[in-house]
Amino acid sequence: MTDKKILKDIVKALDSKKAQEIKVIGIRDLTIIADYFVIASGTSSTQVKALADETEHILSKKDVAPTRVEGYRGADWIVLDYGSIVVHVFHSQTRDFYSLERLWADGEQIDIAEFLD
């Protein structure tokens, strides 16, 4: 499965559970960590878990599993590592505090509209 198809599934899964401020940042030219960061937030720990669960569920149906999942117990910041794509699901206050978008501002801002057709 291509990165673009995986990104589309991730964005659609997050959107289906009413994630706030979904952002996709291309970071391939900035780091070897991954090619893309997907950043989204929820307004409660329950919603943060639901967003992560839905993302995993949708991708698992296509035989795509994360290599690592971190932060699920606390549900302030859950990280789903799909190798070339890393999904960050934040509680909205935690997202404001860490401000990953600002840290990765030099990355390519991908318009998610292409994934929500």
N, C-alpha and C. Protein backbone atom coordinates (compact mmCIF):
# COMPACT_ATOMS: atom_id res chain seq x y z
N MET A 1 0.85 -1.18 0.00
CA MET A 1 0.00 0.00 0.00
C MET A 1 0.89 1.24 0.00
N THR A 2 0.57 2.23 -0.81
CA THR A 2 1.39 3.43 -0.91
C THR A 2 1.14 4.37 0.27
N ASP A 3 2.11 5.25 0.51
CA ASP A 3 1.96 6.23 1.58
C ASP A 3 0.72 7.09 1.39
N LYS A 4 0.44 7.49 0.15
CA LYS A 4 -0.72 8.35 -0.12
C LYS A 4 -2.02 7.64 0.25
N LYS A 5 -2.13 6.34 -0.05
CA LYS A 5 -3.34 5.59 0.30
C LYS A 5 -3.46 5.44 1.81
N ILE A 6 -2.34 5.21 2.48
CA ILE A 6 -2.35 5.10 3.94
C ILE A 6 -2.73 6.44 4.56
N LEU A 7 -2.15 7.53 4.04
CA LEU A 7 -2.49 8.86 4.55
C LEU A 7 -3.98 9.13 4.38
N LYS A 8 -4.53 8.77 3.23
CA LYS A 8 -5.96 8.98 2.98
C LYS A 8 -6.79 8.22 4.00
N ASP A 9 -6.44 6.96 4.27
CA ASP A 9 -7.18 6.16 5.25
C ASP A 9 -7.06 6.75 6.65
N ILE A 10 -5.87 7.23 7.00
CA ILE A 10 -5.67 7.82 8.32
C ILE A 10 -6.52 9.08 8.47
N VAL A 11 -6.44 9.97 7.50
CA VAL A 11 -7.19 11.23 7.57
C VAL A 11 -8.69 10.96 7.62
N LYS A 12 -9.17 10.02 6.80
CA LYS A 12 -10.60 9.69 6.81
C LYS A 12 -11.02 9.09 8.15
N ALA A 13 -10.18 8.23 8.72
CA ALA A 13 -10.50 7.63 10.02
C ALA A 13 -10.58 8.71 11.09
N LEU A 14 -9.62 9.61 11.12
CA LEU A 14 -9.62 10.69 12.11
C LEU A 14 -10.82 11.61 11.91
N ASP A 15 -11.10 11.94 10.67
CA ASP A 15 -12.24 12.82 10.37
C ASP A 15 -13.57 12.17 10.76
N SER A 16 -13.67 10.85 10.58
CA SER A 16 -14.93 10.15 10.89
C SER A 16 -15.25 10.19 12.38
N LYS A 17 -14.23 10.35 13.20
CA LYS A 17 -14.43 10.44 14.66
C LYS A 17 -14.31 11.88 15.16
N LYS A 18 -14.45 12.83 14.24
CA LYS A 18 -14.50 14.26 14.57
C LYS A 18 -13.21 14.81 15.18
N ALA A 19 -12.07 14.35 14.67
CA ALA A 19 -10.79 14.91 15.11
C ALA A 19 -10.74 16.39 14.78
N GLN A 20 -10.05 17.13 15.61
CA GLN A 20 -9.89 18.57 15.39
C GLN A 20 -8.54 18.84 14.73
N GLU A 21 -8.53 19.82 13.84
CA GLU A 21 -7.30 20.35 13.24
C GLU A 21 -6.37 19.25 12.73
N ILE A 22 -6.85 18.45 11.81
CA ILE A 22 -6.01 17.40 11.22
C ILE A 22 -4.99 18.06 10.30
N LYS A 23 -3.72 17.75 10.54
CA LYS A 23 -2.63 18.30 9.72
C LYS A 23 -1.76 17.14 9.24
N VAL A 24 -1.29 17.25 8.00
CA VAL A 24 -0.32 16.32 7.45
C VAL A 24 0.89 17.14 7.05
N ILE A 25 2.05 16.76 7.57
CA ILE A 25 3.29 17.49 7.30
C ILE A 25 4.29 16.53 6.67
N GLY A 26 4.77 16.89 5.49
CA GLY A 26 5.83 16.11 4.84
C GLY A 26 7.17 16.49 5.45
N ILE A 27 7.85 15.50 6.02
CA ILE A 27 9.13 15.79 6.71
C ILE A 27 10.30 15.01 6.11
N ARG A 28 10.07 14.36 4.99
CA ARG A 28 11.09 13.51 4.34
C ARG A 28 12.41 14.23 4.15
N ASP A 29 12.37 15.50 3.76
CA ASP A 29 13.59 16.25 3.48
C ASP A 29 14.26 16.81 4.74
N LEU A 30 13.61 16.63 5.90
CA LEU A 30 14.12 17.23 7.14
C LEU A 30 14.70 16.23 8.12
N THR A 31 14.30 14.97 8.01
CA THR A 31 14.70 13.98 9.01
C THR A 31 14.58 12.57 8.44
N ILE A 32 15.22 11.63 9.12
CA ILE A 32 15.09 10.22 8.73
C ILE A 32 14.04 9.50 9.58
N ILE A 33 13.41 10.22 10.50
CA ILE A 33 12.42 9.63 11.40
C ILE A 33 11.25 9.03 10.62
N ALA A 34 10.75 9.78 9.65
CA ALA A 34 9.58 9.37 8.87
C ALA A 34 9.48 10.28 7.66
N ASP A 35 8.53 9.95 6.78
CA ASP A 35 8.26 10.81 5.63
C ASP A 35 7.14 11.80 5.92
N TYR A 36 6.20 11.37 6.78
CA TYR A 36 5.05 12.22 7.10
C TYR A 36 4.70 12.14 8.58
N PHE A 37 4.27 13.27 9.11
CA PHE A 37 3.61 13.32 10.41
C PHE A 37 2.15 13.67 10.15
N VAL A 38 1.26 12.94 10.81
CA VAL A 38 -0.15 13.31 10.82
C VAL A 38 -0.44 13.74 12.26
N ILE A 39 -1.01 14.92 12.41
CA ILE A 39 -1.28 15.47 13.74
C ILE A 39 -2.77 15.78 13.82
N ALA A 40 -3.39 15.33 14.90
CA ALA A 40 -4.81 15.61 15.12
C ALA A 40 -5.04 15.70 16.62
N SER A 41 -6.18 16.24 17.01
CA SER A 41 -6.47 16.31 18.44
C SER A 41 -7.92 16.03 18.73
N GLY A 42 -8.14 15.65 19.99
CA GLY A 42 -9.48 15.41 20.51
C GLY A 42 -9.65 16.25 21.76
N THR A 43 -10.89 16.37 22.21
CA THR A 43 -11.20 17.24 23.33
C THR A 43 -11.24 16.52 24.67
N SER A 44 -11.09 15.19 24.64
CA SER A 44 -11.08 14.42 25.88
C SER A 44 -10.21 13.19 25.69
N SER A 45 -9.80 12.56 26.79
CA SER A 45 -8.99 11.35 26.68
C SER A 45 -9.78 10.23 26.00
N THR A 46 -11.08 10.22 26.21
CA THR A 46 -11.93 9.22 25.55
C THR A 46 -11.90 9.41 24.04
N GLN A 47 -12.01 10.65 23.58
CA GLN A 47 -11.97 10.90 22.14
C GLN A 47 -10.58 10.62 21.57
N VAL A 48 -9.54 10.96 22.30
CA VAL A 48 -8.17 10.69 21.84
C VAL A 48 -8.00 9.19 21.61
N LYS A 49 -8.45 8.37 22.56
CA LYS A 49 -8.37 6.92 22.40
C LYS A 49 -9.22 6.45 21.22
N ALA A 50 -10.41 7.02 21.07
CA ALA A 50 -11.29 6.64 19.97
C ALA A 50 -10.65 6.96 18.61
N LEU A 51 -9.98 8.09 18.53
CA LEU A 51 -9.30 8.47 17.29
C LEU A 51 -8.18 7.49 16.96
N ALA A 52 -7.39 7.14 17.95
CA ALA A 52 -6.30 6.17 17.75
C ALA A 52 -6.87 4.79 17.40
N ASP A 53 -7.90 4.38 18.13
CA ASP A 53 -8.53 3.08 17.87
C ASP A 53 -9.08 2.99 16.45
N GLU A 54 -9.77 4.03 16.01
CA GLU A 54 -10.36 4.02 14.67
C GLU A 54 -9.27 3.97 13.60
N THR A 55 -8.21 4.71 13.80
CA THR A 55 -7.10 4.69 12.85
C THR A 55 -6.52 3.29 12.74
N GLU A 56 -6.24 2.67 13.89
CA GLU A 56 -5.71 1.30 13.88
C GLU A 56 -6.69 0.33 13.24
N HIS A 57 -7.96 0.47 13.55
CA HIS A 57 -8.98 -0.44 13.03
C HIS A 57 -9.08 -0.37 11.50
N ILE A 58 -9.16 0.83 10.98
CA ILE A 58 -9.29 1.01 9.52
C ILE A 58 -8.06 0.45 8.81
N LEU A 59 -6.88 0.74 9.33
CA LEU A 59 -5.67 0.26 8.66
C LEU A 59 -5.47 -1.25 8.83
N SER A 60 -5.90 -1.79 9.97
CA SER A 60 -5.75 -3.24 10.18
C SER A 60 -6.58 -4.03 9.18
N LYS A 61 -7.71 -3.47 8.75
CA LYS A 61 -8.54 -4.13 7.74
C LYS A 61 -7.80 -4.24 6.40
N LYS A 62 -6.75 -3.44 6.24
CA LYS A 62 -5.95 -3.47 5.01
C LYS A 62 -4.57 -4.06 5.29
N ASP A 63 -4.48 -4.79 6.40
CA ASP A 63 -3.23 -5.46 6.80
C ASP A 63 -2.07 -4.50 7.01
N VAL A 64 -2.37 -3.31 7.52
CA VAL A 64 -1.34 -2.34 7.87
C VAL A 64 -1.41 -2.16 9.38
N ALA A 65 -0.32 -2.51 10.06
CA ALA A 65 -0.28 -2.42 11.52
C ALA A 65 0.85 -1.50 11.95
N PRO A 66 0.64 -0.78 13.04
CA PRO A 66 1.72 0.08 13.53
C PRO A 66 2.86 -0.77 14.09
N THR A 67 4.09 -0.29 13.91
CA THR A 67 5.23 -0.99 14.50
C THR A 67 5.33 -0.70 15.99
N ARG A 68 4.81 0.46 16.39
CA ARG A 68 4.78 0.84 17.81
C ARG A 68 3.58 1.72 18.08
N VAL A 69 3.07 1.59 19.30
CA VAL A 69 2.02 2.49 19.80
C VAL A 69 2.49 2.95 21.18
N GLU A 70 2.51 4.24 21.39
CA GLU A 70 2.94 4.80 22.67
C GLU A 70 1.88 5.76 23.19
N GLY A 71 1.74 5.85 24.51
CA GLY A 71 0.91 6.86 25.14
C GLY A 71 -0.55 6.49 25.31
N TYR A 72 -0.91 5.26 24.98
CA TYR A 72 -2.33 4.89 25.01
C TYR A 72 -2.90 4.96 26.43
N ARG A 73 -2.13 4.55 27.40
CA ARG A 73 -2.65 4.51 28.77
C ARG A 73 -3.02 5.90 29.28
N GLY A 74 -2.15 6.88 29.05
CA GLY A 74 -2.43 8.24 29.53
C GLY A 74 -3.39 9.00 28.65
N ALA A 75 -3.39 8.70 27.36
CA ALA A 75 -4.30 9.29 26.37
C ALA A 75 -4.22 10.81 26.27
N ASP A 76 -3.06 11.39 26.61
CA ASP A 76 -2.83 12.81 26.35
C ASP A 76 -2.17 12.99 24.98
N TRP A 77 -1.35 12.00 24.60
CA TRP A 77 -0.62 12.04 23.34
C TRP A 77 -0.35 10.60 22.94
N ILE A 78 -1.09 10.11 21.97
CA ILE A 78 -0.90 8.75 21.49
C ILE A 78 -0.16 8.82 20.16
N VAL A 79 0.90 8.03 20.05
CA VAL A 79 1.70 7.99 18.84
C VAL A 79 1.54 6.61 18.20
N LEU A 80 1.14 6.61 16.93
CA LEU A 80 1.04 5.39 16.14
C LEU A 80 2.12 5.45 15.07
N ASP A 81 3.08 4.55 15.13
CA ASP A 81 4.22 4.57 14.22
C ASP A 81 4.00 3.54 13.11
N TYR A 82 3.76 4.04 11.92
CA TYR A 82 3.58 3.18 10.75
C TYR A 82 4.81 3.23 9.84
N GLY A 83 5.98 3.46 10.43
CA GLY A 83 7.22 3.49 9.66
C GLY A 83 7.41 4.83 8.98
N SER A 84 6.98 4.94 7.74
CA SER A 84 7.16 6.19 7.00
C SER A 84 6.13 7.25 7.39
N ILE A 85 5.10 6.82 8.14
CA ILE A 85 4.06 7.76 8.61
C ILE A 85 3.91 7.60 10.11
N VAL A 86 4.00 8.71 10.82
CA VAL A 86 3.82 8.70 12.28
C VAL A 86 2.59 9.56 12.59
N VAL A 87 1.64 8.96 13.29
CA VAL A 87 0.39 9.64 13.64
C VAL A 87 0.47 10.09 15.09
N HIS A 88 0.23 11.37 15.32
CA HIS A 88 0.22 11.95 16.67
C HIS A 88 -1.22 12.37 16.97
N VAL A 89 -1.82 11.72 17.96
CA VAL A 89 -3.18 12.08 18.37
C VAL A 89 -3.08 12.69 19.77
N PHE A 90 -3.37 13.96 19.85
CA PHE A 90 -3.21 14.73 21.08
C PHE A 90 -4.54 15.05 21.74
N HIS A 91 -4.50 15.22 23.05
CA HIS A 91 -5.55 15.97 23.74
C HIS A 91 -5.27 17.42 23.35
N SER A 92 -6.29 18.21 23.10
CA SER A 92 -6.09 19.56 22.56
C SER A 92 -5.14 20.41 23.39
N GLN A 93 -5.20 20.32 24.72
CA GLN A 93 -4.30 21.13 25.57
C GLN A 93 -2.85 20.66 25.44
N THR A 94 -2.66 19.36 25.33
CA THR A 94 -1.31 18.82 25.17
C THR A 94 -0.74 19.24 23.83
N ARG A 95 -1.57 19.25 22.82
CA ARG A 95 -1.12 19.67 21.49
C ARG A 95 -0.67 21.12 21.51
N ASP A 96 -1.41 21.96 22.17
CA ASP A 96 -1.02 23.37 22.28
C ASP A 96 0.33 23.51 22.97
N PHE A 97 0.55 22.72 24.02
CA PHE A 97 1.78 22.80 24.78
C PHE A 97 3.00 22.39 23.95
N TYR A 98 2.91 21.25 23.25
CA TYR A 98 4.06 20.75 22.50
C TYR A 98 4.22 21.38 21.13
N SER A 99 3.16 21.84 20.53
CA SER A 99 3.19 22.60 19.28
C SER A 99 4.11 21.99 18.21
N LEU A 100 3.83 20.73 17.86
CA LEU A 100 4.65 20.06 16.85
C LEU A 100 4.63 20.78 15.51
N GLU A 101 3.50 21.38 15.18
CA GLU A 101 3.42 22.10 13.91
C GLU A 101 4.46 23.21 13.84
N ARG A 102 4.70 23.86 14.94
CA ARG A 102 5.70 24.93 14.96
C ARG A 102 7.11 24.34 14.86
N LEU A 103 7.34 23.22 15.56
CA LEU A 103 8.66 22.58 15.51
C LEU A 103 9.00 22.07 14.11
N TRP A 104 7.98 21.64 13.37
CA TRP A 104 8.18 21.10 12.03
C TRP A 104 7.66 22.06 10.96
N ALA A 105 7.73 23.36 11.24
CA ALA A 105 7.19 24.38 10.33
C ALA A 105 7.89 24.38 8.97
N ASP A 106 9.12 23.87 8.91
CA ASP A 106 9.84 23.82 7.65
C ASP A 106 9.39 22.66 6.77
N GLY A 107 8.55 21.80 7.32
CA GLY A 107 8.04 20.67 6.54
C GLY A 107 7.00 21.12 5.52
N GLU A 108 6.69 20.23 4.59
CA GLU A 108 5.70 20.51 3.57
C GLU A 108 4.29 20.34 4.14
N GLN A 109 3.51 21.40 4.11
CA GLN A 109 2.13 21.35 4.59
C GLN A 109 1.26 20.73 3.49
N ILE A 110 0.73 19.56 3.75
CA ILE A 110 -0.09 18.84 2.78
C ILE A 110 -1.56 19.20 2.98
N ASP A 111 -2.23 19.56 1.91
CA ASP A 111 -3.65 19.89 1.97
C ASP A 111 -4.44 18.59 2.13
N ILE A 112 -5.15 18.46 3.24
CA ILE A 112 -5.88 17.21 3.50
C ILE A 112 -7.16 17.10 2.68
N ALA A 113 -7.57 18.16 2.00
CA ALA A 113 -8.78 18.10 1.19
C ALA A 113 -8.72 16.98 0.16
N GLU A 114 -7.52 16.70 -0.35
CA GLU A 114 -7.37 15.64 -1.35
C GLU A 114 -7.66 14.25 -0.76
N PHE A 115 -7.58 14.12 0.56
CA PHE A 115 -7.83 12.84 1.21
C PHE A 115 -9.28 12.67 1.65
N LEU A 116 -10.06 13.74 1.61
CA LEU A 116 -11.43 13.70 2.13
C LEU A 116 -12.48 13.72 1.02
N ASP A 117 -12.11 13.32 -0.19
CA ASP A 117 -13.07 13.34 -1.29
C ASP A 117 -14.19 12.33 -1.10
